[in-house]
């Protein structure tokens, strides 16, 4: 019960805020009182919390809220208990049904497209699964790439060599990796080529064997770039392509390679498209409202 209720009863307090019934705790016994529907939802929530605690996944106020939104304690336990990676005591796991479907799709398929709005964990979960695959010896290297397209503004001249110029574009990928790999080990991986971070243009002419390859911000690829990238796939490799078709930064009149790939590849064996929605946003609730506001204005998804 101590794990179920959380540090200083923080989980229990969050539960009391969420449920629409009364909660009474006496020792190890929980009693619920209220309307049948509300009591049923609260019961499912507690079942999920207990299940997480029993599988060595101590609940938090955040997981309590996500379990409540899912409405099914057993299913919620399976989603939130699917720990991909643990680093420095921090557990990385899907937080919604669609995120669980996305991670399952990556495990089961050779090429997966993760498509959804900002904040849905598309890139973060893909990087976590790549690090997991590397740690397990399933691949010998991780390759992270993205098109170098500025988001609506020109940064002008940047000093340094090619990698120094493109480095600012890869900060989101670096941020994710630093949360999953110790900095010293990360630098060794970079020096040895075990982890490679490079612009999409550097992929031309290569065959990528025994690698976990992630293409980020794929909505900013052209049709030709997407075809070029996908045909780099070698033996023993896995590809994850992530993007948001509502945030295309290509010049007007250019069709997004991500949008085009969905039209051409949907239904091809061993290629899966996983859709993430606004309810899968795991950043601040304000991000959800921002996405809703912009989508309500009817912005063109591809600027084509």
C-alpha atoms as a PDB file:
ATOM      1  CA  UNK A   1       0.000   0.000   0.000  1.00  0.00           C
ATOM      2  CA  UNK A   2       2.881   2.359   0.660  1.00  0.00           C
ATOM      3  CA  UNK A   3       3.950   1.989  -2.995  1.00  0.00           C
ATOM      4  CA  UNK A   4       0.385   2.266  -4.280  1.00  0.00           C
ATOM      5  CA  UNK A   5      -0.247   5.506  -2.378  1.00  0.00           C
ATOM      6  CA  UNK A   6       3.148   7.010  -3.264  1.00  0.00           C
ATOM      7  CA  UNK A   7       5.582   9.177  -1.391  1.00  0.00           C
ATOM      8  CA  UNK A   8       3.680  11.120   1.284  1.00  0.00           C
ATOM      9  CA  UNK A   9       0.424   9.782  -0.192  1.00  0.00           C
ATOM     10  CA  UNK A  10       0.960  11.850  -3.349  1.00  0.00           C
ATOM     11  CA  UNK A  11      -0.661   9.185  -5.560  1.00  0.00           C
ATOM     12  CA  UNK A  12      -3.634   8.780  -3.224  1.00  0.00           C
ATOM     13  CA  UNK A  13      -4.227  12.544  -3.196  1.00  0.00           C
ATOM     14  CA  UNK A  14      -4.170  12.627  -6.992  1.00  0.00           C
ATOM     15  CA  UNK A  15      -6.613   9.709  -7.120  1.00  0.00           C
ATOM     16  CA  UNK A  16      -8.986  11.530  -4.771  1.00  0.00           C
ATOM     17  CA  UNK A  17      -8.885  14.544  -7.096  1.00  0.00           C
ATOM     18  CA  UNK A  18      -9.606  12.373 -10.158  1.00  0.00           C
ATOM     19  CA  UNK A  19     -12.376  10.013  -9.049  1.00  0.00           C
ATOM     20  CA  UNK A  20     -15.969  11.115  -8.591  1.00  0.00           C
ATOM     21  CA  UNK A  21     -16.599   9.056  -5.488  1.00  0.00           C
ATOM     22  CA  UNK A  22     -15.427   8.916  -1.889  1.00  0.00           C
ATOM     23  CA  UNK A  23     -12.275   6.952  -1.016  1.00  0.00           C
ATOM     24  CA  UNK A  24     -11.759   5.497   2.485  1.00  0.00           C
ATOM     25  CA  UNK A  25      -8.484   3.838   3.530  1.00  0.00           C
ATOM     26  CA  UNK A  26      -8.165   1.657   6.616  1.00  0.00           C
ATOM     27  CA  UNK A  27      -4.838  -0.169   6.810  1.00  0.00           C
ATOM     28  CA  UNK A  28      -4.552  -2.292   3.671  1.00  0.00           C
ATOM     29  CA  UNK A  29      -8.243  -1.965   2.808  1.00  0.00           C
ATOM     30  CA  UNK A  30      -9.713   0.578   0.391  1.00  0.00           C
ATOM     31  CA  UNK A  31     -13.444   1.306   0.346  1.00  0.00           C
ATOM     32  CA  UNK A  32     -15.249   3.301  -2.330  1.00  0.00           C
ATOM     33  CA  UNK A  33     -18.656   4.977  -2.046  1.00  0.00           C
ATOM     34  CA  UNK A  34     -20.631   6.735  -4.726  1.00  0.00           C
ATOM     35  CA  UNK A  35     -22.556   6.127  -7.944  1.00  0.00           C
ATOM     36  CA  UNK A  36     -21.987   2.748  -9.577  1.00  0.00           C
ATOM     37  CA  UNK A  37     -20.221   4.109 -12.682  1.00  0.00           C
ATOM     38  CA  UNK A  38     -17.864   6.320 -10.683  1.00  0.00           C
ATOM     39  CA  UNK A  39     -17.060   3.537  -8.225  1.00  0.00           C
ATOM     40  CA  UNK A  40     -16.338   1.174 -11.145  1.00  0.00           C
ATOM     41  CA  UNK A  41     -13.846   3.626 -12.694  1.00  0.00           C
ATOM     42  CA  UNK A  42     -12.149   4.145  -9.326  1.00  0.00           C
ATOM     43  CA  UNK A  43     -11.933   0.379  -8.789  1.00  0.00           C
ATOM     44  CA  UNK A  44     -10.269  -0.089 -12.196  1.00  0.00           C
ATOM     45  CA  UNK A  45      -7.828   2.675 -11.327  1.00  0.00           C
ATOM     46  CA  UNK A  46      -6.803   1.032  -8.054  1.00  0.00           C
ATOM     47  CA  UNK A  47      -6.463  -2.353  -9.778  1.00  0.00           C
ATOM     48  CA  UNK A  48      -4.014  -0.789 -12.220  1.00  0.00           C
ATOM     49  CA  UNK A  49      -2.056   0.928  -9.450  1.00  0.00           C
ATOM     50  CA  UNK A  50      -1.781  -2.294  -7.456  1.00  0.00           C
ATOM     51  CA  UNK A  51      -0.714  -4.203 -10.586  1.00  0.00           C
ATOM     52  CA  UNK A  52       2.067  -1.690 -11.280  1.00  0.00           C
ATOM     53  CA  UNK A  53       3.288  -1.872  -7.676  1.00  0.00           C
ATOM     54  CA  UNK A  54       3.315  -5.687  -7.773  1.00  0.00           C
ATOM     55  CA  UNK A  55       5.471  -5.678 -10.935  1.00  0.00           C
ATOM     56  CA  UNK A  56       8.087  -3.381  -9.391  1.00  0.00           C
ATOM     57  CA  UNK A  57       6.776  -0.265 -11.181  1.00  0.00           C
ATOM     58  CA  UNK A  58       5.940   2.119  -8.339  1.00  0.00           C
ATOM     59  CA  UNK A  59       3.002   4.351  -9.365  1.00  0.00           C
ATOM     60  CA  UNK A  60       3.294   8.137  -9.535  1.00  0.00           C
ATOM     61  CA  UNK A  61       0.602  10.840  -9.621  1.00  0.00           C
ATOM     62  CA  UNK A  62       1.184  11.015 -13.395  1.00  0.00           C
ATOM     63  CA  UNK A  63       0.654   7.271 -13.912  1.00  0.00           C
ATOM     64  CA  UNK A  64      -2.502   7.463 -11.766  1.00  0.00           C
ATOM     65  CA  UNK A  65      -3.891  10.134 -14.083  1.00  0.00           C
ATOM     66  CA  UNK A  66      -3.019   8.141 -17.198  1.00  0.00           C
ATOM     67  CA  UNK A  67      -4.577   4.965 -15.784  1.00  0.00           C
ATOM     68  CA  UNK A  68      -7.747   6.898 -15.000  1.00  0.00           C
ATOM     69  CA  UNK A  69      -7.927   8.259 -18.546  1.00  0.00           C
ATOM     70  CA  UNK A  70      -7.521   4.762 -19.993  1.00  0.00           C
ATOM     71  CA  UNK A  71     -10.394   3.488 -17.861  1.00  0.00           C
ATOM     72  CA  UNK A  72      -9.164  -0.116 -17.816  1.00  0.00           C
ATOM     73  CA  UNK A  73      -6.817  -1.000 -14.968  1.00  0.00           C
ATOM     74  CA  UNK A  74      -5.487  -4.216 -16.473  1.00  0.00           C
ATOM     75  CA  UNK A  75      -4.859  -2.671 -19.883  1.00  0.00           C
ATOM     76  CA  UNK A  76      -3.331   0.417 -18.295  1.00  0.00           C
ATOM     77  CA  UNK A  77      -0.987  -1.771 -16.266  1.00  0.00           C
ATOM     78  CA  UNK A  78       0.206  -3.480 -19.478  1.00  0.00           C
ATOM     79  CA  UNK A  79       0.801  -0.115 -21.178  1.00  0.00           C
ATOM     80  CA  UNK A  80       2.562   1.690 -18.340  1.00  0.00           C
ATOM     81  CA  UNK A  81       4.389  -1.441 -17.176  1.00  0.00           C
ATOM     82  CA  UNK A  82       6.098  -2.006 -20.533  1.00  0.00           C
ATOM     83  CA  UNK A  83       9.458  -0.573 -19.446  1.00  0.00           C
ATOM     84  CA  UNK A  84      11.737  -0.171 -22.468  1.00  0.00           C
ATOM     85  CA  UNK A  85      14.784   1.104 -20.654  1.00  0.00           C
ATOM     86  CA  UNK A  86      15.924   2.039 -17.163  1.00  0.00           C
ATOM     87  CA  UNK A  87      18.723   4.575 -16.760  1.00  0.00           C
ATOM     88  CA  UNK A  88      19.822   6.104 -13.459  1.00  0.00           C
ATOM     89  CA  UNK A  89      16.625   4.855 -11.838  1.00  0.00           C
ATOM     90  CA  UNK A  90      14.423   6.484 -14.483  1.00  0.00           C
ATOM     91  CA  UNK A  91      12.058   4.171 -16.329  1.00  0.00           C
ATOM     92  CA  UNK A  92      11.180   4.853 -19.943  1.00  0.00           C
ATOM     93  CA  UNK A  93       7.873   3.300 -20.989  1.00  0.00           C
ATOM     94  CA  UNK A  94       4.877   4.141 -23.203  1.00  0.00           C
ATOM     95  CA  UNK A  95       2.272   6.268 -21.469  1.00  0.00           C
ATOM     96  CA  UNK A  96      -0.774   5.798 -23.708  1.00  0.00           C
ATOM     97  CA  UNK A  97      -2.432   3.022 -25.717  1.00  0.00           C
ATOM     98  CA  UNK A  98      -1.203   4.449 -29.010  1.00  0.00           C
ATOM     99  CA  UNK A  99       2.336   4.782 -27.701  1.00  0.00           C
ATOM    100  CA  UNK A 100       2.202   1.110 -26.664  1.00  0.00           C
ATOM    101  CA  UNK A 101       0.963   0.160 -30.154  1.00  0.00           C
ATOM    102  CA  UNK A 102       3.790   2.242 -31.637  1.00  0.00           C
ATOM    103  CA  UNK A 103       6.498   0.548 -29.556  1.00  0.00           C
ATOM    104  CA  UNK A 104       5.011  -2.884 -30.298  1.00  0.00           C
ATOM    105  CA  UNK A 105       5.018  -2.072 -34.022  1.00  0.00           C
ATOM    106  CA  UNK A 106       8.712  -1.135 -33.883  1.00  0.00           C
ATOM    107  CA  UNK A 107       9.564  -4.393 -32.133  1.00  0.00           C
ATOM    108  CA  UNK A 108       7.599  -6.476 -34.637  1.00  0.00           C
ATOM    109  CA  UNK A 109       8.309  -4.773 -37.986  1.00  0.00           C
ATOM    110  CA  UNK A 110      11.352  -3.858 -40.028  1.00  0.00           C
ATOM    111  CA  UNK A 111      10.150  -0.399 -41.094  1.00  0.00           C
ATOM    112  CA  UNK A 112       7.779   1.726 -39.001  1.00  0.00           C
ATOM    113  CA  UNK A 113       6.427   5.214 -39.645  1.00  0.00           C
ATOM    114  CA  UNK A 114       5.447   7.080 -36.474  1.00  0.00           C
ATOM    115  CA  UNK A 115       3.185   9.986 -37.417  1.00  0.00           C
ATOM    116  CA  UNK A 116       1.656  12.435 -34.972  1.00  0.00           C
ATOM    117  CA  UNK A 117       1.730  15.929 -33.463  1.00  0.00           C
ATOM    118  CA  UNK A 118       4.481  17.425 -31.341  1.00  0.00           C
ATOM    119  CA  UNK A 119       4.964  15.968 -27.879  1.00  0.00           C
ATOM    120  CA  UNK A 120       3.605  12.472 -28.564  1.00  0.00           C
ATOM    121  CA  UNK A 121       6.966  10.753 -27.939  1.00  0.00           C
ATOM    122  CA  UNK A 122       7.579   9.624 -31.529  1.00  0.00           C
ATOM    123  CA  UNK A 123      11.319  10.270 -31.527  1.00  0.00           C
ATOM    124  CA  UNK A 124      11.930   9.714 -27.816  1.00  0.00           C
ATOM    125  CA  UNK A 125      10.439   6.211 -27.772  1.00  0.00           C
ATOM    126  CA  UNK A 126      12.206   5.293 -31.022  1.00  0.00           C
ATOM    127  CA  UNK A 127      15.558   6.351 -29.548  1.00  0.00           C
ATOM    128  CA  UNK A 128      14.827   4.366 -26.363  1.00  0.00           C
ATOM    129  CA  UNK A 129      14.092   1.242 -28.410  1.00  0.00           C
ATOM    130  CA  UNK A 130      17.280   1.810 -30.432  1.00  0.00           C
ATOM    131  CA  UNK A 131      19.369   2.019 -27.246  1.00  0.00           C
ATOM    132  CA  UNK A 132      17.612  -1.097 -25.917  1.00  0.00           C
ATOM    133  CA  UNK A 133      18.409  -2.976 -29.158  1.00  0.00           C
ATOM    134  CA  UNK A 134      22.051  -1.875 -28.943  1.00  0.00           C
ATOM    135  CA  UNK A 135      22.331  -2.933 -25.293  1.00  0.00           C
ATOM    136  CA  UNK A 136      20.850  -6.338 -26.109  1.00  0.00           C
ATOM    137  CA  UNK A 137      23.254  -6.861 -29.011  1.00  0.00           C
ATOM    138  CA  UNK A 138      20.414  -6.972 -31.557  1.00  0.00           C
ATOM    139  CA  UNK A 139      22.178  -4.295 -33.648  1.00  0.00           C
ATOM    140  CA  UNK A 140      25.787  -3.133 -33.748  1.00  0.00           C
ATOM    141  CA  UNK A 141      25.117   0.577 -34.220  1.00  0.00           C
ATOM    142  CA  UNK A 142      22.511   3.338 -34.093  1.00  0.00           C
ATOM    143  CA  UNK A 143      22.187   5.825 -36.951  1.00  0.00           C
ATOM    144  CA  UNK A 144      20.165   8.991 -36.417  1.00  0.00           C
ATOM    145  CA  UNK A 145      19.448  11.336 -39.284  1.00  0.00           C
ATOM    146  CA  UNK A 146      17.151  14.142 -40.345  1.00  0.00           C
ATOM    147  CA  UNK A 147      16.815  16.605 -43.216  1.00  0.00           C
ATOM    148  CA  UNK A 148      18.499  19.937 -42.544  1.00  0.00           C
ATOM    149  CA  UNK A 149      15.585  22.291 -43.124  1.00  0.00           C
ATOM    150  CA  UNK A 150      15.152  25.517 -41.168  1.00  0.00           C
ATOM    151  CA  UNK A 151      11.792  26.001 -39.472  1.00  0.00           C
ATOM    152  CA  UNK A 152      10.549  29.171 -41.121  1.00  0.00           C
ATOM    153  CA  UNK A 153      13.647  31.312 -40.618  1.00  0.00           C
ATOM    154  CA  UNK A 154      17.126  31.547 -42.053  1.00  0.00           C
ATOM    155  CA  UNK A 155      20.007  31.157 -39.617  1.00  0.00           C
ATOM    156  CA  UNK A 156      22.530  32.464 -42.122  1.00  0.00           C
ATOM    157  CA  UNK A 157      26.205  31.527 -42.014  1.00  0.00           C
ATOM    158  CA  UNK A 158      27.328  29.147 -39.274  1.00  0.00           C
ATOM    159  CA  UNK A 159      31.052  28.741 -38.484  1.00  0.00           C
ATOM    160  CA  UNK A 160      32.991  25.465 -38.420  1.00  0.00           C
ATOM    161  CA  UNK A 161      33.108  22.305 -40.493  1.00  0.00           C
ATOM    162  CA  UNK A 162      30.076  20.510 -41.915  1.00  0.00           C
ATOM    163  CA  UNK A 163      29.209  18.697 -38.673  1.00  0.00           C
ATOM    164  CA  UNK A 164      29.570  21.900 -36.642  1.00  0.00           C
ATOM    165  CA  UNK A 165      27.146  23.630 -39.014  1.00  0.00           C
ATOM    166  CA  UNK A 166      24.465  20.944 -38.763  1.00  0.00           C
ATOM    167  CA  UNK A 167      24.950  20.204 -35.062  1.00  0.00           C
ATOM    168  CA  UNK A 168      22.214  22.651 -33.888  1.00  0.00           C
ATOM    169  CA  UNK A 169      19.630  20.733 -35.924  1.00  0.00           C
ATOM    170  CA  UNK A 170      20.352  17.536 -33.976  1.00  0.00           C
ATOM    171  CA  UNK A 171      19.955  18.908 -30.439  1.00  0.00           C
ATOM    172  CA  UNK A 172      16.624  17.065 -29.841  1.00  0.00           C
ATOM    173  CA  UNK A 173      18.310  13.743 -30.658  1.00  0.00           C
ATOM    174  CA  UNK A 174      21.296  14.544 -28.433  1.00  0.00           C
ATOM    175  CA  UNK A 175      18.930  15.485 -25.595  1.00  0.00           C
ATOM    176  CA  UNK A 176      17.146  12.132 -25.820  1.00  0.00           C
ATOM    177  CA  UNK A 177      20.389  10.152 -25.949  1.00  0.00           C
ATOM    178  CA  UNK A 178      21.868  11.964 -22.944  1.00  0.00           C
ATOM    179  CA  UNK A 179      18.866  10.790 -20.901  1.00  0.00           C
ATOM    180  CA  UNK A 180      19.550   7.162 -21.808  1.00  0.00           C
ATOM    181  CA  UNK A 181      23.341   6.822 -22.015  1.00  0.00           C
ATOM    182  CA  UNK A 182      26.028   8.112 -19.655  1.00  0.00           C
ATOM    183  CA  UNK A 183      27.867  11.084 -21.258  1.00  0.00           C
ATOM    184  CA  UNK A 184      31.301   9.396 -21.190  1.00  0.00           C
ATOM    185  CA  UNK A 185      29.961   6.245 -22.854  1.00  0.00           C
ATOM    186  CA  UNK A 186      28.039   8.356 -25.362  1.00  0.00           C
ATOM    187  CA  UNK A 187      31.242  10.123 -26.445  1.00  0.00           C
ATOM    188  CA  UNK A 188      33.003   6.767 -26.866  1.00  0.00           C
ATOM    189  CA  UNK A 189      30.096   5.507 -28.977  1.00  0.00           C
ATOM    190  CA  UNK A 190      30.318   8.599 -31.177  1.00  0.00           C
ATOM    191  CA  UNK A 191      34.091   8.265 -31.638  1.00  0.00           C
ATOM    192  CA  UNK A 192      33.816   4.574 -32.545  1.00  0.00           C
ATOM    193  CA  UNK A 193      30.863   5.071 -34.876  1.00  0.00           C
ATOM    194  CA  UNK A 194      28.575   2.936 -32.724  1.00  0.00           C
ATOM    195  CA  UNK A 195      26.266   5.944 -32.659  1.00  0.00           C
ATOM    196  CA  UNK A 196      26.232   8.074 -35.795  1.00  0.00           C
ATOM    197  CA  UNK A 197      24.331  11.329 -36.144  1.00  0.00           C
ATOM    198  CA  UNK A 198      24.393  12.796 -39.633  1.00  0.00           C
ATOM    199  CA  UNK A 199      22.321  14.854 -42.098  1.00  0.00           C
ATOM    200  CA  UNK A 200      20.077  12.935 -44.468  1.00  0.00           C
ATOM    201  CA  UNK A 201      22.227  14.011 -47.427  1.00  0.00           C
ATOM    202  CA  UNK A 202      25.071  11.878 -46.003  1.00  0.00           C
ATOM    203  CA  UNK A 203      22.992   8.708 -46.449  1.00  0.00           C
ATOM    204  CA  UNK A 204      23.185   8.634 -50.249  1.00  0.00           C
ATOM    205  CA  UNK A 205      25.097   5.683 -51.702  1.00  0.00           C
ATOM    206  CA  UNK A 206      25.269   3.758 -48.405  1.00  0.00           C
ATOM    207  CA  UNK A 207      23.938   0.340 -47.424  1.00  0.00           C
ATOM    208  CA  UNK A 208      23.114   0.236 -43.728  1.00  0.00           C
ATOM    209  CA  UNK A 209      23.485  -3.283 -42.308  1.00  0.00           C
ATOM    210  CA  UNK A 210      22.979  -4.440 -38.700  1.00  0.00           C
ATOM    211  CA  UNK A 211      21.775  -0.998 -37.609  1.00  0.00           C
ATOM    212  CA  UNK A 212      18.832   0.704 -35.941  1.00  0.00           C
ATOM    213  CA  UNK A 213      18.159   3.729 -38.127  1.00  0.00           C
ATOM    214  CA  UNK A 214      15.909   6.647 -37.186  1.00  0.00           C
ATOM    215  CA  UNK A 215      14.848   9.392 -39.592  1.00  0.00           C
ATOM    216  CA  UNK A 216      13.491  12.323 -37.590  1.00  0.00           C
ATOM    217  CA  UNK A 217      11.416  15.272 -38.882  1.00  0.00           C
ATOM    218  CA  UNK A 218      10.570  13.214 -41.963  1.00  0.00           C
ATOM    219  CA  UNK A 219       7.810  15.613 -42.982  1.00  0.00           C
ATOM    220  CA  UNK A 220      10.614  17.848 -44.277  1.00  0.00           C
ATOM    221  CA  UNK A 221      11.969  15.274 -46.717  1.00  0.00           C
ATOM    222  CA  UNK A 222      11.203  15.476 -50.412  1.00  0.00           C
ATOM    223  CA  UNK A 223       9.791  12.486 -52.278  1.00  0.00           C
ATOM    224  CA  UNK A 224      13.250  11.739 -53.699  1.00  0.00           C
ATOM    225  CA  UNK A 225      14.942  11.982 -50.298  1.00  0.00           C
ATOM    226  CA  UNK A 226      12.429   9.597 -48.712  1.00  0.00           C
ATOM    227  CA  UNK A 227      12.928   7.029 -51.478  1.00  0.00           C
ATOM    228  CA  UNK A 228      16.709   7.390 -51.181  1.00  0.00           C
ATOM    229  CA  UNK A 229      16.576   6.888 -47.397  1.00  0.00           C
ATOM    230  CA  UNK A 230      14.287   3.854 -47.416  1.00  0.00           C
ATOM    231  CA  UNK A 231      16.421   2.107 -50.032  1.00  0.00           C
ATOM    232  CA  UNK A 232      19.479   2.306 -47.726  1.00  0.00           C
ATOM    233  CA  UNK A 233      17.989  -0.516 -45.616  1.00  0.00           C
ATOM    234  CA  UNK A 234      20.420  -3.431 -45.301  1.00  0.00           C
ATOM    235  CA  UNK A 235      20.431  -6.879 -43.709  1.00  0.00           C
ATOM    236  CA  UNK A 236      19.648  -7.110 -40.004  1.00  0.00           C
ATOM    237  CA  UNK A 237      18.545  -3.493 -39.830  1.00  0.00           C
ATOM    238  CA  UNK A 238      15.432  -1.734 -38.603  1.00  0.00           C
ATOM    239  CA  UNK A 239      14.148   1.696 -39.650  1.00  0.00           C
ATOM    240  CA  UNK A 240      11.875   4.110 -37.807  1.00  0.00           C
ATOM    241  CA  UNK A 241      10.621   7.213 -39.606  1.00  0.00           C
ATOM    242  CA  UNK A 242       9.011   9.926 -37.461  1.00  0.00           C
ATOM    243  CA  UNK A 243       7.254  13.109 -38.435  1.00  0.00           C
ATOM    244  CA  UNK A 244       4.302  15.445 -38.140  1.00  0.00           C
ATOM    245  CA  UNK A 245       2.493  16.197 -41.399  1.00  0.00           C
ATOM    246  CA  UNK A 246       1.101  19.427 -39.904  1.00  0.00           C
ATOM    247  CA  UNK A 247       4.587  20.961 -39.488  1.00  0.00           C
ATOM    248  CA  UNK A 248       6.082  20.883 -42.974  1.00  0.00           C
ATOM    249  CA  UNK A 249       8.822  23.479 -43.565  1.00  0.00           C
ATOM    250  CA  UNK A 250       9.459  22.719 -47.241  1.00  0.00           C
ATOM    251  CA  UNK A 251       9.148  25.528 -49.801  1.00  0.00           C
ATOM    252  CA  UNK A 252       5.667  26.114 -51.168  1.00  0.00           C
ATOM    253  CA  UNK A 253       4.781  23.675 -53.923  1.00  0.00           C
ATOM    254  CA  UNK A 254       6.996  20.827 -52.645  1.00  0.00           C
ATOM    255  CA  UNK A 255       5.231  17.620 -51.592  1.00  0.00           C
ATOM    256  CA  UNK A 256       6.338  16.118 -48.270  1.00  0.00           C
ATOM    257  CA  UNK A 257       8.099  12.773 -48.660  1.00  0.00           C
ATOM    258  CA  UNK A 258       6.315  11.550 -45.523  1.00  0.00           C
ATOM    259  CA  UNK A 259       2.898  12.293 -46.964  1.00  0.00           C
ATOM    260  CA  UNK A 260       3.886  10.697 -50.273  1.00  0.00           C
ATOM    261  CA  UNK A 261       5.306   7.571 -48.548  1.00  0.00           C
ATOM    262  CA  UNK A 262       2.012   6.941 -46.795  1.00  0.00           C
ATOM    263  CA  UNK A 263       0.173   7.012 -50.111  1.00  0.00           C
ATOM    264  CA  UNK A 264       2.640   4.668 -51.793  1.00  0.00           C
ATOM    265  CA  UNK A 265       3.660   2.242 -49.015  1.00  0.00           C
ATOM    266  CA  UNK A 266       0.542   1.716 -46.940  1.00  0.00           C
ATOM    267  CA  UNK A 267      -0.178  -2.022 -47.094  1.00  0.00           C
ATOM    268  CA  UNK A 268       3.360  -3.110 -48.048  1.00  0.00           C
ATOM    269  CA  UNK A 269       4.455  -6.141 -46.015  1.00  0.00           C
ATOM    270  CA  UNK A 270       6.838  -5.452 -43.086  1.00  0.00           C
ATOM    271  CA  UNK A 271       6.058  -1.698 -43.267  1.00  0.00           C
ATOM    272  CA  UNK A 272       3.686  -0.313 -40.630  1.00  0.00           C
ATOM    273  CA  UNK A 273       2.229   3.140 -40.051  1.00  0.00           C
ATOM    274  CA  UNK A 274       1.569   4.007 -36.401  1.00  0.00           C
ATOM    275  CA  UNK A 275      -0.618   7.044 -35.764  1.00  0.00           C
ATOM    276  CA  UNK A 276      -0.325   9.096 -32.598  1.00  0.00           C
ATOM    277  CA  UNK A 277      -3.043  11.611 -31.716  1.00  0.00           C
ATOM    278  CA  UNK A 278      -3.491  14.710 -29.585  1.00  0.00           C
ATOM    279  CA  UNK A 279      -4.462  12.531 -26.588  1.00  0.00           C
ATOM    280  CA  UNK A 280      -0.996  10.924 -26.786  1.00  0.00           C
ATOM    281  CA  UNK A 281       0.751  14.238 -26.081  1.00  0.00           C
ATOM    282  CA  UNK A 282       2.843  13.716 -22.955  1.00  0.00           C
ATOM    283  CA  UNK A 283       4.136  17.248 -22.562  1.00  0.00           C
ATOM    284  CA  UNK A 284       2.229  19.973 -20.746  1.00  0.00           C
ATOM    285  CA  UNK A 285      -1.554  20.004 -21.205  1.00  0.00           C
ATOM    286  CA  UNK A 286      -0.999  23.426 -22.735  1.00  0.00           C
ATOM    287  CA  UNK A 287       0.717  21.724 -25.715  1.00  0.00           C
ATOM    288  CA  UNK A 288      -2.530  19.805 -26.282  1.00  0.00           C
ATOM    289  CA  UNK A 289      -4.492  23.046 -26.361  1.00  0.00           C
ATOM    290  CA  UNK A 290      -1.957  24.650 -28.722  1.00  0.00           C
ATOM    291  CA  UNK A 291      -2.265  21.698 -31.136  1.00  0.00           C
ATOM    292  CA  UNK A 292      -6.062  21.936 -30.948  1.00  0.00           C
ATOM    293  CA  UNK A 293      -5.980  25.668 -31.679  1.00  0.00           C
ATOM    294  CA  UNK A 294      -3.757  25.312 -34.738  1.00  0.00           C
ATOM    295  CA  UNK A 295      -5.651  22.326 -36.131  1.00  0.00           C
ATOM    296  CA  UNK A 296      -8.898  24.230 -35.672  1.00  0.00           C
ATOM    297  CA  UNK A 297      -7.641  26.940 -38.028  1.00  0.00           C
ATOM    298  CA  UNK A 298      -7.510  24.441 -40.883  1.00  0.00           C
ATOM    299  CA  UNK A 299      -3.814  24.701 -41.705  1.00  0.00           C
ATOM    300  CA  UNK A 300      -2.741  22.767 -44.782  1.00  0.00           C
ATOM    301  CA  UNK A 301      -0.977  19.568 -43.599  1.00  0.00           C
ATOM    302  CA  UNK A 302       1.552  19.418 -46.412  1.00  0.00           C
ATOM    303  CA  UNK A 303       1.755  22.911 -47.916  1.00  0.00           C
ATOM    304  CA  UNK A 304       1.638  21.088 -51.246  1.00  0.00           C
END
